[in-house]
Amino acid sequence: MIFTSTSLPSVPGGSRELAHRDQLVAVPGVDNRAEEHQDFIALLRKLWRQRWLILASIVLAAIAAAVIATALPRHYVANARVMVGIPQPRFYPGDNGSTVQVASSGSDQAQSETYVLQSRQLAKQVVDKLHLSANPDFNGDLAPSTGPLSQLLSRLRSVMGAMAPGTTVSGKVDDQTENRMIDQLLDSTITVSPLGRSNVIDIEADTTNPDLSALIANAVASSYIDQKKSNESHASSRLEAYFKDRIANLREAVQQSDQAVETYRRENGLYRVGTNNQDMTAQTLGMLNAQVTQGAGAAGGLSEGGISLGAGSAGGADTLSAALGSPLIQGLKEQQAGAARHLAELRSTYGPNYPRVRDAEAELESIDGKISAEIGRAAAGARRRARAAEEHYAALTRRFEKTKSQMGSVNQKTIHLLALERDAAINGKLLEDMLSRAKQVMGQQDIRQPDAELISQAAAPLWPTYPQRMLILLLGMVVGTLGGSMAALLREGADLTFRNAEQIEAATGLPVMSLIPNLGSTRSPTAAILRDPLSLYGESLRRLYIMLAMSEAAKSPKTVLFCSAVPGEAKSVTVVSMCRLLANAGKRVLLIDCDWRSPSVHKLLQRPNTDGLEAILADTNADPLDVVSRDPHSGLDFITAGRWSPHRSHILTGQRMREILSALSDYYDLIVLDSPPILVGAEVLPLASVVDKVVFLVRWGHTRRSAVMDAIRQLVEARADFAGLAFSRVDAKRYRQYTYTPANFSYGSAVFRRIGPPA
């Protein structure tokens, strides 16, 4: 983004316009990266110019940080680590006597155990174990008395035999003091936290004593593990006592229930036999029922009415053979089938009268006869067995009916017996289960370990953890750097003067014609210009004259007014030095001192202030050449201010001044007017309108910007024709810090360059 400026009224004789810095207009669509880069470089230059301020701020902040780090009490942090949820080995004495690892409770157990480690009960154990009540860091009542009042109270207590606050006759601290120590231990001394998602808990103790830090961390860990052991022991003891009482009660109940079953069985004759322990009556009835069923089947199958002989027919033989299942008949049937098959083959091959056919037919008839005879014998045996089976079945039926009539009363008694047996079985099962569980639990206390273990014991730290002196020192230096940078920027922002050509050109729109260096207070510039006209100071004045001569294209200006905004701008010194340089080089130069309030040309040239400008202005008939004096060292002609009075200051701006300048311009190549400061004397404004050019001098790093802008605005309104600006008393070394391409102040280059070409 490029900024253009709105202008003040145009300067007569020129095309330049003055710009207000607060009236900048942004031109959109223009890349602003170059300006941003220059802003960044400008920021760095501001900081570099104030580097000594920043360095002093850093040193002071570092010293303050070192003092603070030294004054802060040293704290030592010791760490102990405990693993929780460790699998526990449990030995089961039954069966194979195996050892089983019981898994931990999960990753959330570590977070839960941190609250146990921060409990007040555990903290009280640590206080008692380490006797922290005797430590002044925890028991404030034991801290040494430093104030006069505290010492007086201590003496009174010792004289009266009074006890210290918080201490009882037995030497123990009271509840309030103990609670205060526990709060201090939990709030500011101990920090407990799980490490990530593991089952490891970190116990951190922070005190001013490294050994005490390690003792507290280890005491917390050991007290926690002892507490876990104690809890495990108490739980195992309670569990064993419970099992013993329960087993004793169950044994008594089993004994009573078994005795009741046996008594009832004996009284009612409900005995049981066999491997199944079945009731005798029910077992007899079952056997009879099975025999009756078997006899009924046998009698039905062997009844004479159910056996059909079939008069030797093949169908009858098959039926009886199938019913009896005789192996002999089955063998004959197979021979019969083979003979019939052989006969059929012979008949298909030979005729019916063929001998082999007839032999086959005879063989088949013989087999049929054997089958019929065997069936007859089987039928007779079957009839005999059928009659025996029917008689046996009738006897079994009678016995079954008798036993069944007895079973009704037995069942009524058995129902009550079964109830007694169920009670006995339940009591026995409970006793068996309880004994089994007791075997698993009994004796576990000797081999069981707590599910927490101290895996890393705290050691006394060798170095304090806090304060971290290097970090505090580094932070102090950072704060000093930031504070110094802020102070540097504020100091730079408070600088309301012009420091480089870019600033004043951007603010006024006028070119900087020359940068006139400061020769210091030990050298006289007006004398030095004659001793060394080719010095850097002489080159800057020569450049000022060249730029002045080039300000008009047609011809060089003859009358030039040098002015400034306020006194102390080194205007008169600069004017006398430039005129001496030009006169020494052969130029015809006339210098007129128009500053009647504080004339200084005669002082610089070491001449008396008599019959000067005031005389020829007051006497219209006087010849201006009569009051011209000459500098013997350079050949410079000059007119002093003369003896002025305030009521005659108006003659300086009258028509007589124009006539004098017009008359003298025929004799000189250049006439230079040294005017009073614009903001001091108003007569400068009319003078600016009667000369060819006006050169405005600004003291580098001294004149306020508002004064410069106000003075130039008045000159613009007076229609002054500006040749440009000039910086006076420029510090060559410091000027390089305020510009991107610094002017070359080295004598060897013989050139005194400023930024950019003249406008």
Foldseek 3Di string as FASTA:
>chain_A
DDWDFDFDDDFPPDDFGFGAPVGTDDDPPDDCPVVVVVVVVLLVLLCVLLVVLLVVLLVVLLVVLLVVQVPDFFKAKWKFKKFFQAWWWFFFPPDPRDIDTHGGPFLCVLVVVLVVLLDLVLLLQLCVVVVCCPPCVLQVLPDDDDDPVVVVVVVVCVVVVHDTQQADPVGHGDPVSSVSSSCCCNPPFWDWDADPSHRMIMIMGMDSFLVVRLSSNQSSQVSSQVVLLVVVVVVLVVVLVVLVVVLVVLVVQLVVLVVVLVVLCVVVVQFADDPVRHTPLVVVLVVLVVVLVVLVVLLVLLALVNQDLPVLDPVSLVVLCVSVVDPVLVVLVVVLVVLVVVLVVVVVPDPCPDVVNVVSVVVNVVSSVVSSVVSVVSNVVSNVSSVVSVVVSVVSVVVSVVSVVVVVVVVVSVVVSVVSVVSSVVSVVVSVVSVSVSSRSPPVSVRTGRSMDGPGRIDRDPGGPPPPSVVSSVVSSVVSSVVSSVVSVVVVVPQQFDQAQVVVCNRTVFGAQFEAAAPDDVDQLQVVCLVCCLALNNLRLVSSQVLQQVLDPPGHFAEEEEAELAPPLCRLSSVSNSLLSCLQVPFAEEEEEAAQPDWCNCVSLVHDQADFPVNCLVDVPDDNVVQWDARPSRRHIYTTNHHDDVVPSVSCLDPSVLVNVVVCSVPGRHYYYYHYRVNVDVSVLSVQVSGDEYEYEGEHSPDGPVSRVVSVSSNSVSSGHYSGYYYHNRHQVVSVSNDPDHFDSDSVVSHTDGPDDGD
